[in-house]
Amino acid sequence: MIHIELTPRRLSVDGHAGCGERGKDIVCAAVSALVQNLIGSLKALTEDQISARAEPGHANIEYGDLSEQGRLLMDSFFLGVCSIADSYPEHVKITGCGADGQ
């Protein structure tokens, strides 16, 4: 299962969906693409200071106060992963700010 945790200063993504064989797991691929796009977009399209690390099965993004553009990018990421979690609830769980009413 992929666990996504969002806090006011950090986003972490851990695990594997287990929805298909290695290299053909569409849920893992979708979440990975959204994470990589978020990191690249925050770096290229904002002046926000972030610390990001992504590797197979784990990603961590730490940030301070995000700009309006940074918050929009985070909101877009969140909409994307929520859509995936709604479609594959047995493979993706989201917790933290804005998720599960927390």
N, C-alpha and C. Protein backbone atom coordinates (compact mmCIF):
# COMPACT_ATOMS: atom_id res chain seq x y z
N MET A 1 0.84 -1.17 0.00
CA MET A 1 0.00 0.00 0.00
C MET A 1 0.89 1.24 0.00
N ILE A 2 0.45 2.28 -0.69
CA ILE A 2 1.13 3.56 -0.68
C ILE A 2 0.49 4.42 0.41
N HIS A 3 1.31 4.95 1.31
CA HIS A 3 0.85 5.84 2.36
C HIS A 3 1.33 7.25 2.05
N ILE A 4 0.39 8.18 1.94
CA ILE A 4 0.71 9.57 1.67
C ILE A 4 0.32 10.37 2.91
N GLU A 5 1.29 11.10 3.46
CA GLU A 5 1.03 11.91 4.64
C GLU A 5 1.38 13.36 4.34
N LEU A 6 0.43 14.23 4.60
CA LEU A 6 0.61 15.65 4.37
C LEU A 6 0.50 16.38 5.69
N THR A 7 1.53 17.16 6.03
CA THR A 7 1.52 18.01 7.22
C THR A 7 1.73 19.45 6.75
N PRO A 8 1.61 20.41 7.64
CA PRO A 8 1.81 21.80 7.21
C PRO A 8 3.20 22.09 6.63
N ARG A 9 4.19 21.26 6.91
CA ARG A 9 5.56 21.53 6.44
C ARG A 9 6.20 20.39 5.66
N ARG A 10 5.44 19.29 5.45
CA ARG A 10 6.07 18.12 4.83
C ARG A 10 5.03 17.26 4.11
N LEU A 11 5.49 16.66 3.03
CA LEU A 11 4.72 15.65 2.32
C LEU A 11 5.60 14.42 2.23
N SER A 12 5.07 13.28 2.67
CA SER A 12 5.83 12.04 2.52
C SER A 12 4.96 11.00 1.82
N VAL A 13 5.62 10.21 0.99
CA VAL A 13 4.96 9.14 0.24
C VAL A 13 5.81 7.89 0.44
N ASP A 14 5.20 6.83 0.98
CA ASP A 14 5.94 5.62 1.29
C ASP A 14 5.18 4.38 0.82
N GLY A 15 5.94 3.41 0.35
CA GLY A 15 5.38 2.11 0.02
C GLY A 15 5.17 1.89 -1.47
N HIS A 16 4.60 0.75 -1.76
CA HIS A 16 4.27 0.36 -3.13
C HIS A 16 2.82 -0.09 -3.15
N ALA A 17 2.14 0.19 -4.23
CA ALA A 17 0.71 -0.10 -4.32
C ALA A 17 0.42 -1.60 -4.31
N GLY A 18 1.25 -2.37 -4.97
CA GLY A 18 0.99 -3.80 -5.06
C GLY A 18 -0.22 -4.11 -5.93
N CYS A 19 -0.43 -3.26 -6.92
CA CYS A 19 -1.59 -3.39 -7.80
C CYS A 19 -1.25 -4.15 -9.09
N GLY A 20 0.00 -4.41 -9.30
CA GLY A 20 0.44 -5.11 -10.50
C GLY A 20 1.87 -5.55 -10.32
N GLU A 21 2.38 -6.28 -11.30
CA GLU A 21 3.75 -6.75 -11.19
C GLU A 21 4.72 -5.57 -11.29
N ARG A 22 5.88 -5.75 -10.71
CA ARG A 22 6.91 -4.70 -10.70
C ARG A 22 7.15 -4.19 -12.11
N GLY A 23 7.11 -2.88 -12.26
CA GLY A 23 7.32 -2.27 -13.57
C GLY A 23 6.05 -2.09 -14.37
N LYS A 24 4.95 -2.68 -13.91
CA LYS A 24 3.68 -2.57 -14.63
C LYS A 24 2.54 -2.17 -13.71
N ASP A 25 2.87 -1.64 -12.55
CA ASP A 25 1.87 -1.25 -11.56
C ASP A 25 1.39 0.16 -11.89
N ILE A 26 0.18 0.28 -12.41
CA ILE A 26 -0.31 1.58 -12.86
C ILE A 26 -0.56 2.55 -11.71
N VAL A 27 -0.89 2.04 -10.54
CA VAL A 27 -1.12 2.91 -9.38
C VAL A 27 0.20 3.51 -8.91
N CYS A 28 1.22 2.68 -8.77
CA CYS A 28 2.54 3.18 -8.40
C CYS A 28 3.04 4.20 -9.43
N ALA A 29 2.87 3.87 -10.69
CA ALA A 29 3.33 4.77 -11.75
C ALA A 29 2.61 6.12 -11.69
N ALA A 30 1.32 6.09 -11.44
CA ALA A 30 0.55 7.34 -11.39
C ALA A 30 0.98 8.20 -10.22
N VAL A 31 1.11 7.61 -9.04
CA VAL A 31 1.53 8.37 -7.86
C VAL A 31 2.96 8.88 -8.04
N SER A 32 3.84 8.04 -8.56
CA SER A 32 5.23 8.46 -8.80
C SER A 32 5.30 9.63 -9.76
N ALA A 33 4.50 9.58 -10.81
CA ALA A 33 4.50 10.68 -11.78
C ALA A 33 4.03 11.98 -11.14
N LEU A 34 3.00 11.90 -10.30
CA LEU A 34 2.51 13.10 -9.62
C LEU A 34 3.56 13.65 -8.66
N VAL A 35 4.24 12.79 -7.93
CA VAL A 35 5.28 13.23 -7.00
C VAL A 35 6.43 13.90 -7.75
N GLN A 36 6.93 13.23 -8.78
CA GLN A 36 8.03 13.79 -9.56
C GLN A 36 7.64 15.12 -10.20
N ASN A 37 6.41 15.20 -10.69
CA ASN A 37 5.93 16.44 -11.30
C ASN A 37 5.84 17.56 -10.25
N LEU A 38 5.36 17.22 -9.06
CA LEU A 38 5.27 18.22 -8.00
C LEU A 38 6.65 18.77 -7.65
N ILE A 39 7.61 17.89 -7.45
CA ILE A 39 8.97 18.33 -7.11
C ILE A 39 9.53 19.22 -8.22
N GLY A 40 9.44 18.77 -9.45
CA GLY A 40 9.96 19.55 -10.57
C GLY A 40 9.25 20.88 -10.73
N SER A 41 7.95 20.89 -10.55
CA SER A 41 7.17 22.12 -10.70
C SER A 41 7.47 23.11 -9.59
N LEU A 42 7.58 22.65 -8.35
CA LEU A 42 7.92 23.55 -7.25
C LEU A 42 9.29 24.19 -7.48
N LYS A 43 10.24 23.41 -7.99
CA LYS A 43 11.58 23.94 -8.24
C LYS A 43 11.62 24.88 -9.44
N ALA A 44 10.89 24.54 -10.51
CA ALA A 44 10.97 25.32 -11.75
C ALA A 44 10.02 26.51 -11.80
N LEU A 45 8.89 26.41 -11.15
CA LEU A 45 7.85 27.42 -11.33
C LEU A 45 7.65 28.34 -10.13
N THR A 46 8.37 28.07 -9.04
CA THR A 46 8.25 28.94 -7.86
C THR A 46 9.64 29.27 -7.35
N GLU A 47 9.68 30.20 -6.43
CA GLU A 47 10.93 30.52 -5.75
C GLU A 47 10.92 29.92 -4.34
N ASP A 48 9.96 29.04 -4.07
CA ASP A 48 9.84 28.40 -2.77
C ASP A 48 11.07 27.55 -2.49
N GLN A 49 11.51 27.57 -1.24
CA GLN A 49 12.64 26.76 -0.82
C GLN A 49 12.11 25.41 -0.35
N ILE A 50 12.50 24.35 -1.04
CA ILE A 50 12.07 23.01 -0.66
C ILE A 50 13.28 22.10 -0.54
N SER A 51 13.12 21.05 0.22
CA SER A 51 14.09 19.98 0.29
C SER A 51 13.34 18.73 -0.16
N ALA A 52 13.82 18.11 -1.23
CA ALA A 52 13.09 16.96 -1.79
C ALA A 52 14.03 15.79 -2.01
N ARG A 53 13.50 14.62 -1.70
CA ARG A 53 14.23 13.38 -1.94
C ARG A 53 13.22 12.36 -2.45
N ALA A 54 13.53 11.73 -3.54
CA ALA A 54 12.64 10.70 -4.09
C ALA A 54 13.48 9.50 -4.53
N GLU A 55 13.02 8.34 -4.14
CA GLU A 55 13.66 7.09 -4.52
C GLU A 55 12.56 6.04 -4.59
N PRO A 56 12.82 4.88 -5.16
CA PRO A 56 11.77 3.87 -5.24
C PRO A 56 11.17 3.55 -3.86
N GLY A 57 9.88 3.71 -3.75
CA GLY A 57 9.18 3.38 -2.51
C GLY A 57 9.15 4.48 -1.47
N HIS A 58 9.79 5.62 -1.74
CA HIS A 58 9.80 6.70 -0.75
C HIS A 58 10.05 8.04 -1.41
N ALA A 59 9.30 9.03 -0.96
CA ALA A 59 9.57 10.43 -1.35
C ALA A 59 9.25 11.31 -0.16
N ASN A 60 10.04 12.35 0.00
CA ASN A 60 9.85 13.28 1.10
C ASN A 60 10.10 14.69 0.57
N ILE A 61 9.16 15.58 0.80
CA ILE A 61 9.32 16.98 0.42
C ILE A 61 9.07 17.81 1.67
N GLU A 62 10.05 18.62 2.03
CA GLU A 62 9.91 19.53 3.18
C GLU A 62 9.92 20.95 2.64
N TYR A 63 9.11 21.79 3.26
CA TYR A 63 8.97 23.17 2.78
C TYR A 63 8.55 24.07 3.93
N GLY A 64 8.77 25.36 3.74
CA GLY A 64 8.31 26.36 4.70
C GLY A 64 6.98 26.91 4.24
N ASP A 65 6.83 28.21 4.35
CA ASP A 65 5.62 28.85 3.85
C ASP A 65 5.65 28.86 2.33
N LEU A 66 4.69 28.21 1.73
CA LEU A 66 4.63 28.16 0.28
C LEU A 66 3.99 29.42 -0.28
N SER A 67 4.46 29.82 -1.44
CA SER A 67 3.86 30.94 -2.16
C SER A 67 2.48 30.53 -2.66
N GLU A 68 1.76 31.47 -3.21
CA GLU A 68 0.45 31.16 -3.80
C GLU A 68 0.60 30.11 -4.90
N GLN A 69 1.64 30.25 -5.71
CA GLN A 69 1.89 29.27 -6.78
C GLN A 69 2.22 27.90 -6.19
N GLY A 70 3.02 27.88 -5.12
CA GLY A 70 3.37 26.62 -4.48
C GLY A 70 2.16 25.93 -3.89
N ARG A 71 1.29 26.71 -3.26
CA ARG A 71 0.05 26.13 -2.69
C ARG A 71 -0.84 25.58 -3.81
N LEU A 72 -0.90 26.28 -4.93
CA LEU A 72 -1.70 25.80 -6.07
C LEU A 72 -1.14 24.47 -6.59
N LEU A 73 0.17 24.37 -6.67
CA LEU A 73 0.78 23.12 -7.12
C LEU A 73 0.52 21.99 -6.13
N MET A 74 0.60 22.28 -4.83
CA MET A 74 0.28 21.27 -3.81
C MET A 74 -1.18 20.86 -3.90
N ASP A 75 -2.07 21.82 -4.10
CA ASP A 75 -3.49 21.51 -4.24
C ASP A 75 -3.73 20.62 -5.45
N SER A 76 -3.05 20.92 -6.55
CA SER A 76 -3.20 20.11 -7.76
C SER A 76 -2.71 18.68 -7.52
N PHE A 77 -1.56 18.54 -6.84
CA PHE A 77 -1.06 17.21 -6.47
C PHE A 77 -2.08 16.47 -5.63
N PHE A 78 -2.61 17.18 -4.62
CA PHE A 78 -3.57 16.56 -3.71
C PHE A 78 -4.82 16.10 -4.45
N LEU A 79 -5.33 16.91 -5.38
CA LEU A 79 -6.50 16.49 -6.17
C LEU A 79 -6.19 15.22 -6.96
N GLY A 80 -4.99 15.15 -7.53
CA GLY A 80 -4.60 13.98 -8.31
C GLY A 80 -4.51 12.72 -7.46
N VAL A 81 -3.82 12.80 -6.32
CA VAL A 81 -3.68 11.60 -5.49
C VAL A 81 -5.00 11.21 -4.83
N CYS A 82 -5.85 12.19 -4.53
CA CYS A 82 -7.17 11.85 -3.98
C CYS A 82 -8.00 11.09 -5.00
N SER A 83 -7.90 11.48 -6.25
CA SER A 83 -8.62 10.77 -7.31
C SER A 83 -8.12 9.34 -7.43
N ILE A 84 -6.82 9.15 -7.34
CA ILE A 84 -6.26 7.79 -7.39
C ILE A 84 -6.70 7.00 -6.17
N ALA A 85 -6.64 7.61 -4.98
CA ALA A 85 -7.05 6.92 -3.75
C ALA A 85 -8.53 6.55 -3.79
N ASP A 86 -9.36 7.42 -4.37
CA ASP A 86 -10.79 7.10 -4.49
C ASP A 86 -11.01 5.90 -5.40
N SER A 87 -10.22 5.81 -6.46
CA SER A 87 -10.36 4.70 -7.41
C SER A 87 -9.71 3.41 -6.92
N TYR A 88 -8.66 3.54 -6.11
CA TYR A 88 -7.90 2.37 -5.62
C TYR A 88 -7.70 2.47 -4.11
N PRO A 89 -8.79 2.48 -3.33
CA PRO A 89 -8.65 2.68 -1.88
C PRO A 89 -7.88 1.56 -1.18
N GLU A 90 -7.82 0.40 -1.76
CA GLU A 90 -7.07 -0.69 -1.13
C GLU A 90 -5.57 -0.58 -1.42
N HIS A 91 -5.17 0.41 -2.23
CA HIS A 91 -3.76 0.55 -2.61
C HIS A 91 -3.14 1.89 -2.22
N VAL A 92 -3.99 2.89 -1.91
CA VAL A 92 -3.48 4.23 -1.57
C VAL A 92 -4.25 4.77 -0.38
N LYS A 93 -3.52 5.22 0.65
CA LYS A 93 -4.13 5.84 1.83
C LYS A 93 -3.50 7.21 2.04
N ILE A 94 -4.35 8.21 2.26
CA ILE A 94 -3.89 9.58 2.48
C ILE A 94 -4.29 10.01 3.88
N THR A 95 -3.32 10.57 4.62
CA THR A 95 -3.60 11.11 5.94
C THR A 95 -2.97 12.48 6.07
N GLY A 96 -3.46 13.24 7.02
CA GLY A 96 -2.88 14.55 7.30
C GLY A 96 -3.79 15.68 6.91
N CYS A 97 -3.22 16.85 6.76
CA CYS A 97 -3.96 18.08 6.47
C CYS A 97 -4.81 17.91 5.21
N GLY A 98 -6.08 18.16 5.35
CA GLY A 98 -6.97 18.09 4.20
C GLY A 98 -7.45 16.69 3.88
N ALA A 99 -6.90 15.68 4.51
CA ALA A 99 -7.30 14.31 4.24
C ALA A 99 -8.03 13.75 5.46
N ASP A 100 -9.02 12.98 5.24
CA ASP A 100 -9.76 12.31 6.31
C ASP A 100 -10.28 13.29 7.36
N GLY A 101 -10.49 14.56 6.98
CA GLY A 101 -11.02 15.54 7.90
C GLY A 101 -10.04 15.97 8.97
N GLN A 102 -8.76 15.64 8.83
CA GLN A 102 -7.76 15.98 9.84
C GLN A 102 -7.15 17.33 9.55
